[in-house]
PDB file of N, CA and C in Angstrom:
ATOM      1  N   UNK A   1      68.789 -23.468  45.421  1.00  0.00           N
ATOM      2  CA  UNK A   1      69.054 -22.738  44.124  1.00  0.00           C
ATOM      3  C   UNK A   1      68.462 -21.219  44.067  1.00  0.00           C
ATOM      4  N   UNK A   2      69.619 -20.659  43.370  1.00  0.00           N
ATOM      5  CA  UNK A   2      69.192 -19.265  43.175  1.00  0.00           C
ATOM      6  C   UNK A   2      68.036 -19.300  42.171  1.00  0.00           C
ATOM      7  N   UNK A   3      67.417 -17.618  42.497  1.00  0.00           N
ATOM      8  CA  UNK A   3      66.521 -17.430  41.081  1.00  0.00           C
ATOM      9  C   UNK A   3      67.323 -17.467  39.851  1.00  0.00           C
ATOM     10  N   UNK A   4      66.127 -17.285  38.942  1.00  0.00           N
ATOM     11  CA  UNK A   4      66.680 -17.073  37.597  1.00  0.00           C
ATOM     12  C   UNK A   4      66.549 -15.397  37.232  1.00  0.00           C
ATOM     13  N   UNK A   5      67.606 -14.934  36.787  1.00  0.00           N
ATOM     14  CA  UNK A   5      67.598 -13.382  36.551  1.00  0.00           C
ATOM     15  C   UNK A   5      67.254 -13.031  35.165  1.00  0.00           C
ATOM     16  N   UNK A   6      66.450 -11.997  34.831  1.00  0.00           N
ATOM     17  CA  UNK A   6      66.068 -11.690  33.692  1.00  0.00           C
ATOM     18  C   UNK A   6      67.320 -11.091  32.817  1.00  0.00           C
ATOM     19  N   UNK A   7      67.156 -11.143  31.231  1.00  0.00           N
ATOM     20  CA  UNK A   7      68.399 -10.403  30.773  1.00  0.00           C
ATOM     21  C   UNK A   7      68.032  -8.613  30.695  1.00  0.00           C
ATOM     22  N   UNK A   8      68.621  -8.032  31.563  1.00  0.00           N
ATOM     23  CA  UNK A   8      68.530  -6.586  31.571  1.00  0.00           C
ATOM     24  C   UNK A   8      68.264  -6.012  30.076  1.00  0.00           C
ATOM     25  N   UNK A   9      69.370  -6.350  29.541  1.00  0.00           N
ATOM     26  CA  UNK A   9      69.858  -5.690  28.155  1.00  0.00           C
ATOM     27  C   UNK A   9      68.632  -5.923  27.296  1.00  0.00           C
ATOM     28  N   UNK A  10      68.036  -7.213  27.100  1.00  0.00           N
ATOM     29  CA  UNK A  10      67.114  -7.775  26.257  1.00  0.00           C
ATOM     30  C   UNK A  10      65.660  -6.814  26.740  1.00  0.00           C
ATOM     31  N   UNK A  11      65.535  -6.530  28.044  1.00  0.00           N
ATOM     32  CA  UNK A  11      64.419  -5.924  28.438  1.00  0.00           C
ATOM     33  C   UNK A  11      64.157  -4.600  27.845  1.00  0.00           C
ATOM     34  N   UNK A  12      65.340  -3.819  28.008  1.00  0.00           N
ATOM     35  CA  UNK A  12      65.371  -2.444  27.356  1.00  0.00           C
ATOM     36  C   UNK A  12      65.200  -2.349  25.840  1.00  0.00           C
ATOM     37  N   UNK A  13      65.480  -3.818  25.174  1.00  0.00           N
ATOM     38  CA  UNK A  13      65.023  -3.328  23.647  1.00  0.00           C
ATOM     39  C   UNK A  13      63.781  -3.783  23.250  1.00  0.00           C
ATOM     40  N   UNK A  14      63.093  -4.618  24.330  1.00  0.00           N
ATOM     41  CA  UNK A  14      61.578  -4.890  23.741  1.00  0.00           C
ATOM     42  C   UNK A  14      60.351  -4.702  24.562  1.00  0.00           C
ATOM     43  N   UNK A  15      59.199  -4.926  24.198  1.00  0.00           N
ATOM     44  CA  UNK A  15      58.076  -4.894  24.899  1.00  0.00           C
ATOM     45  C   UNK A  15      57.298  -5.841  25.051  1.00  0.00           C
ATOM     46  N   UNK A  16      56.723  -6.448  25.949  1.00  0.00           N
ATOM     47  CA  UNK A  16      55.881  -7.412  25.968  1.00  0.00           C
ATOM     48  C   UNK A  16      54.514  -7.200  25.818  1.00  0.00           C
ATOM     49  N   UNK A  17      53.721  -7.558  24.872  1.00  0.00           N
ATOM     50  CA  UNK A  17      52.532  -7.330  24.751  1.00  0.00           C
ATOM     51  C   UNK A  17      51.644  -7.734  25.946  1.00  0.00           C
ATOM     52  N   UNK A  18      50.112  -7.670  25.885  1.00  0.00           N
ATOM     53  CA  UNK A  18      49.201  -8.222  26.963  1.00  0.00           C
ATOM     54  C   UNK A  18      49.022  -9.921  26.638  1.00  0.00           C
ATOM     55  N   UNK A  19      49.142 -10.467  25.431  1.00  0.00           N
ATOM     56  CA  UNK A  19      49.089 -11.466  24.858  1.00  0.00           C
ATOM     57  C   UNK A  19      50.356 -12.518  25.154  1.00  0.00           C
ATOM     58  N   UNK A  20      51.458 -11.977  25.526  1.00  0.00           N
ATOM     59  CA  UNK A  20      52.654 -12.266  25.318  1.00  0.00           C
ATOM     60  C   UNK A  20      53.568 -12.118  24.502  1.00  0.00           C
ATOM     61  N   UNK A  21      53.159 -11.464  23.411  1.00  0.00           N
ATOM     62  CA  UNK A  21      54.047 -11.276  22.228  1.00  0.00           C
ATOM     63  C   UNK A  21      55.100 -10.612  22.628  1.00  0.00           C
ATOM     64  N   UNK A  22      56.132 -10.502  21.739  1.00  0.00           N
ATOM     65  CA  UNK A  22      57.498  -9.828  21.810  1.00  0.00           C
ATOM     66  C   UNK A  22      57.270  -8.819  20.845  1.00  0.00           C
ATOM     67  N   UNK A  23      57.732  -7.508  21.377  1.00  0.00           N
ATOM     68  CA  UNK A  23      57.583  -6.378  20.171  1.00  0.00           C
ATOM     69  C   UNK A  23      59.006  -5.955  19.783  1.00  0.00           C
ATOM     70  N   UNK A  24      59.569  -5.728  18.961  1.00  0.00           N
ATOM     71  CA  UNK A  24      60.884  -5.154  18.842  1.00  0.00           C
ATOM     72  C   UNK A  24      61.252  -4.143  17.592  1.00  0.00           C
ATOM     73  N   UNK A  25      62.282  -3.266  17.923  1.00  0.00           N
ATOM     74  CA  UNK A  25      62.147  -2.244  16.380  1.00  0.00           C
ATOM     75  C   UNK A  25      63.332  -3.012  15.464  1.00  0.00           C
ATOM     76  N   UNK A  26      63.038  -2.648  14.440  1.00  0.00           N
ATOM     77  CA  UNK A  26      63.744  -3.220  13.244  1.00  0.00           C
ATOM     78  C   UNK A  26      65.402  -2.626  13.116  1.00  0.00           C
ATOM     79  N   UNK A  27      66.175  -3.404  12.904  1.00  0.00           N
ATOM     80  CA  UNK A  27      67.559  -2.859  13.019  1.00  0.00           C
ATOM     81  C   UNK A  27      67.948  -2.171  11.440  1.00  0.00           C
ATOM     82  N   UNK A  28      68.914  -1.686  11.536  1.00  0.00           N
ATOM     83  CA  UNK A  28      69.142  -0.683  10.285  1.00  0.00           C
ATOM     84  C   UNK A  28      68.295   0.455  10.017  1.00  0.00           C
ATOM     85  N   UNK A  29      67.954   1.171  11.218  1.00  0.00           N
ATOM     86  CA  UNK A  29      67.086   2.242  10.942  1.00  0.00           C
ATOM     87  C   UNK A  29      67.293   3.463  11.551  1.00  0.00           C
ATOM     88  N   UNK A  30      68.745   3.301  12.357  1.00  0.00           N
ATOM     89  CA  UNK A  30      69.019   4.796  13.266  1.00  0.00           C
ATOM     90  C   UNK A  30      69.608   5.772  12.571  1.00  0.00           C
ATOM     91  N   UNK A  31      70.782   5.340  11.382  1.00  0.00           N
ATOM     92  CA  UNK A  31      71.473   6.454  10.837  1.00  0.00           C
ATOM     93  C   UNK A  31      71.857   5.936   9.563  1.00  0.00           C
ATOM     94  N   UNK A  32      72.427   6.605   8.573  1.00  0.00           N
ATOM     95  CA  UNK A  32      72.858   6.262   7.320  1.00  0.00           C
ATOM     96  C   UNK A  32      71.899   5.831   6.474  1.00  0.00           C
ATOM     97  N   UNK A  33      70.851   6.366   6.386  1.00  0.00           N
ATOM     98  CA  UNK A  33      69.542   6.212   5.574  1.00  0.00           C
ATOM     99  C   UNK A  33      69.202   6.988   4.435  1.00  0.00           C
ATOM    100  N   UNK A  34      70.318   7.851   4.325  1.00  0.00           N
ATOM    101  CA  UNK A  34      69.908   8.641   2.761  1.00  0.00           C
ATOM    102  C   UNK A  34      69.855   7.952   1.469  1.00  0.00           C
ATOM    103  N   UNK A  35      70.644   6.831   1.418  1.00  0.00           N
ATOM    104  CA  UNK A  35      70.670   6.249   0.377  1.00  0.00           C
ATOM    105  C   UNK A  35      69.298   5.232   0.267  1.00  0.00           C
ATOM    106  N   UNK A  36      68.719   4.912   1.299  1.00  0.00           N
ATOM    107  CA  UNK A  36      67.440   3.981   1.280  1.00  0.00           C
ATOM    108  C   UNK A  36      66.361   4.953   0.608  1.00  0.00           C
ATOM    109  N   UNK A  37      65.458   4.078   0.221  1.00  0.00           N
ATOM    110  CA  UNK A  37      64.142   4.716  -0.486  1.00  0.00           C
ATOM    111  C   UNK A  37      63.223   5.149   0.726  1.00  0.00           C
ATOM    112  N   UNK A  38      62.366   6.317   0.314  1.00  0.00           N
ATOM    113  CA  UNK A  38      61.377   6.188   1.275  1.00  0.00           C
ATOM    114  C   UNK A  38      60.515   5.043   1.763  1.00  0.00           C
ATOM    115  N   UNK A  39      60.142   4.312   1.055  1.00  0.00           N
ATOM    116  CA  UNK A  39      59.447   3.122   1.167  1.00  0.00           C
ATOM    117  C   UNK A  39      59.985   2.441   2.232  1.00  0.00           C
ATOM    118  N   UNK A  40      61.288   2.126   1.732  1.00  0.00           N
ATOM    119  CA  UNK A  40      62.093   1.174   2.707  1.00  0.00           C
ATOM    120  C   UNK A  40      62.115   2.046   4.142  1.00  0.00           C
ATOM    121  N   UNK A  41      62.318   3.174   4.498  1.00  0.00           N
ATOM    122  CA  UNK A  41      62.679   3.888   5.632  1.00  0.00           C
ATOM    123  C   UNK A  41      61.229   3.886   6.249  1.00  0.00           C
ATOM    124  N   UNK A  42      59.983   4.040   5.705  1.00  0.00           N
ATOM    125  CA  UNK A  42      58.804   3.784   6.124  1.00  0.00           C
ATOM    126  C   UNK A  42      58.589   2.585   6.799  1.00  0.00           C
ATOM    127  N   UNK A  43      59.048   1.080   6.310  1.00  0.00           N
ATOM    128  CA  UNK A  43      58.916  -0.262   6.456  1.00  0.00           C
ATOM    129  C   UNK A  43      59.687  -0.323   7.813  1.00  0.00           C
ATOM    130  N   UNK A  44      60.769   0.229   8.128  1.00  0.00           N
ATOM    131  CA  UNK A  44      61.756   0.127   9.088  1.00  0.00           C
ATOM    132  C   UNK A  44      61.276   0.825  10.468  1.00  0.00           C
ATOM    133  N   UNK A  45      60.225   1.594  10.136  1.00  0.00           N
ATOM    134  CA  UNK A  45      59.569   2.332  11.544  1.00  0.00           C
ATOM    135  C   UNK A  45      59.093   1.530  12.402  1.00  0.00           C
ATOM    136  N   UNK A  46      57.949   0.738  11.790  1.00  0.00           N
ATOM    137  CA  UNK A  46      56.971  -0.263  12.106  1.00  0.00           C
ATOM    138  C   UNK A  46      57.911  -1.396  13.143  1.00  0.00           C
ATOM    139  N   UNK A  47      57.456  -1.581  14.114  1.00  0.00           N
ATOM    140  CA  UNK A  47      57.598  -2.509  14.949  1.00  0.00           C
ATOM    141  C   UNK A  47      57.407  -4.167  14.897  1.00  0.00           C
ATOM    142  N   UNK A  48      58.155  -5.134  14.780  1.00  0.00           N
ATOM    143  CA  UNK A  48      57.939  -6.484  14.524  1.00  0.00           C
ATOM    144  C   UNK A  48      57.791  -7.235  15.795  1.00  0.00           C
ATOM    145  N   UNK A  49      57.471  -8.529  15.424  1.00  0.00           N
ATOM    146  CA  UNK A  49      57.023  -9.547  16.667  1.00  0.00           C
ATOM    147  C   UNK A  49      57.926 -10.819  16.536  1.00  0.00           C
ATOM    148  N   UNK A  50      58.297 -11.391  17.390  1.00  0.00           N
ATOM    149  CA  UNK A  50      59.393 -12.508  17.383  1.00  0.00           C
ATOM    150  C   UNK A  50      58.774 -13.533  16.968  1.00  0.00           C
ATOM    151  N   UNK A  51      59.489 -14.157  15.953  1.00  0.00           N
ATOM    152  CA  UNK A  51      58.707 -15.673  15.484  1.00  0.00           C
ATOM    153  C   UNK A  51      58.962 -16.897  16.453  1.00  0.00           C
ATOM    154  N   UNK A  52      58.547 -17.732  15.933  1.00  0.00           N
ATOM    155  CA  UNK A  52      58.323 -19.018  16.607  1.00  0.00           C
ATOM    156  C   UNK A  52      59.722 -19.657  17.252  1.00  0.00           C
ATOM    157  N   UNK A  53      60.697 -19.439  16.054  1.00  0.00           N
ATOM    158  CA  UNK A  53      62.172 -19.852  16.105  1.00  0.00           C
ATOM    159  C   UNK A  53      62.897 -19.101  17.339  1.00  0.00           C
ATOM    160  N   UNK A  54      62.530 -17.831  17.742  1.00  0.00           N
ATOM    161  CA  UNK A  54      63.131 -17.541  18.804  1.00  0.00           C
ATOM    162  C   UNK A  54      62.557 -17.329  19.922  1.00  0.00           C
ATOM    163  N   UNK A  55      61.601 -18.086  20.327  1.00  0.00           N
ATOM    164  CA  UNK A  55      60.612 -18.211  21.572  1.00  0.00           C
ATOM    165  C   UNK A  55      61.343 -18.872  22.838  1.00  0.00           C
ATOM    166  N   UNK A  56      61.910 -20.095  22.508  1.00  0.00           N
ATOM    167  CA  UNK A  56      62.624 -20.787  23.417  1.00  0.00           C
ATOM    168  C   UNK A  56      63.749 -19.870  24.193  1.00  0.00           C
ATOM    169  N   UNK A  57      64.427 -19.161  23.053  1.00  0.00           N
ATOM    170  CA  UNK A  57      65.740 -18.393  23.433  1.00  0.00           C
ATOM    171  C   UNK A  57      65.245 -17.328  24.526  1.00  0.00           C
ATOM    172  N   UNK A  58      64.183 -16.538  23.970  1.00  0.00           N
ATOM    173  CA  UNK A  58      63.582 -15.540  24.766  1.00  0.00           C
ATOM    174  C   UNK A  58      62.985 -15.979  26.034  1.00  0.00           C
ATOM    175  N   UNK A  59      62.312 -17.265  26.052  1.00  0.00           N
ATOM    176  CA  UNK A  59      61.839 -17.398  27.295  1.00  0.00           C
ATOM    177  C   UNK A  59      62.791 -17.682  28.645  1.00  0.00           C
ATOM    178  N   UNK A  60      63.820 -18.152  27.791  1.00  0.00           N
ATOM    179  CA  UNK A  60      65.080 -18.180  28.807  1.00  0.00           C
ATOM    180  C   UNK A  60      65.619 -17.175  29.426  1.00  0.00           C
ATOM    181  N   UNK A  61      65.652 -16.124  28.546  1.00  0.00           N
ATOM    182  CA  UNK A  61      66.323 -14.918  28.774  1.00  0.00           C
ATOM    183  C   UNK A  61      65.491 -13.952  29.696  1.00  0.00           C
ATOM    184  N   UNK A  62      64.137 -14.261  29.595  1.00  0.00           N
ATOM    185  CA  UNK A  62      63.131 -13.363  30.255  1.00  0.00           C
ATOM    186  C   UNK A  62      62.586 -13.896  31.742  1.00  0.00           C
ATOM    187  N   UNK A  63      62.561 -15.387  31.321  1.00  0.00           N
ATOM    188  CA  UNK A  63      62.122 -15.946  32.466  1.00  0.00           C
ATOM    189  C   UNK A  63      60.414 -15.840  32.518  1.00  0.00           C
ATOM    190  N   UNK A  64      59.765 -15.666  31.400  1.00  0.00           N
ATOM    191  CA  UNK A  64      58.538 -15.556  31.422  1.00  0.00           C
ATOM    192  C   UNK A  64      57.973 -16.573  29.940  1.00  0.00           C
ATOM    193  N   UNK A  65      56.720 -16.653  30.365  1.00  0.00           N
ATOM    194  CA  UNK A  65      56.209 -17.429  28.876  1.00  0.00           C
ATOM    195  C   UNK A  65      56.041 -16.526  27.916  1.00  0.00           C
ATOM    196  N   UNK A  66      56.441 -16.802  26.549  1.00  0.00           N
ATOM    197  CA  UNK A  66      56.436 -15.991  25.286  1.00  0.00           C
ATOM    198  C   UNK A  66      55.729 -16.673  24.405  1.00  0.00           C
ATOM    199  N   UNK A  67      54.681 -15.983  23.695  1.00  0.00           N
ATOM    200  CA  UNK A  67      53.962 -16.454  22.472  1.00  0.00           C
ATOM    201  C   UNK A  67      54.566 -15.939  21.097  1.00  0.00           C
ATOM    202  N   UNK A  68      54.734 -16.799  20.189  1.00  0.00           N
ATOM    203  CA  UNK A  68      55.034 -16.519  18.930  1.00  0.00           C
ATOM    204  C   UNK A  68      54.233 -15.487  18.308  1.00  0.00           C
ATOM    205  N   UNK A  69      54.880 -14.727  17.176  1.00  0.00           N
ATOM    206  CA  UNK A  69      54.166 -13.516  16.549  1.00  0.00           C
ATOM    207  C   UNK A  69      53.317 -14.203  15.625  1.00  0.00           C
ATOM    208  N   UNK A  70      52.544 -13.348  14.911  1.00  0.00           N
ATOM    209  CA  UNK A  70      51.450 -13.570  13.676  1.00  0.00           C
ATOM    210  C   UNK A  70      52.085 -14.335  12.479  1.00  0.00           C
ATOM    211  N   UNK A  71      53.402 -13.166  12.130  1.00  0.00           N
ATOM    212  CA  UNK A  71      53.639 -14.060  10.783  1.00  0.00           C
ATOM    213  C   UNK A  71      54.419 -15.213  10.739  1.00  0.00           C
TER     214      UNK A  71
END
């Protein structure tokens, strides 16, 4: 049986932390932000961690163990 391949498109968009959490950038923050409040834009700058519902899917795509985030 062949080896499992990691999803290279996903690897370009996330970062695995030392404890195994998945960090990623929030959506809707790249352009067309002039109508948003400053508070909203500042919140979009922060990274998020993947929650428990995504863990199984991410483990299959990455081929490694993933831990759910804090929130």
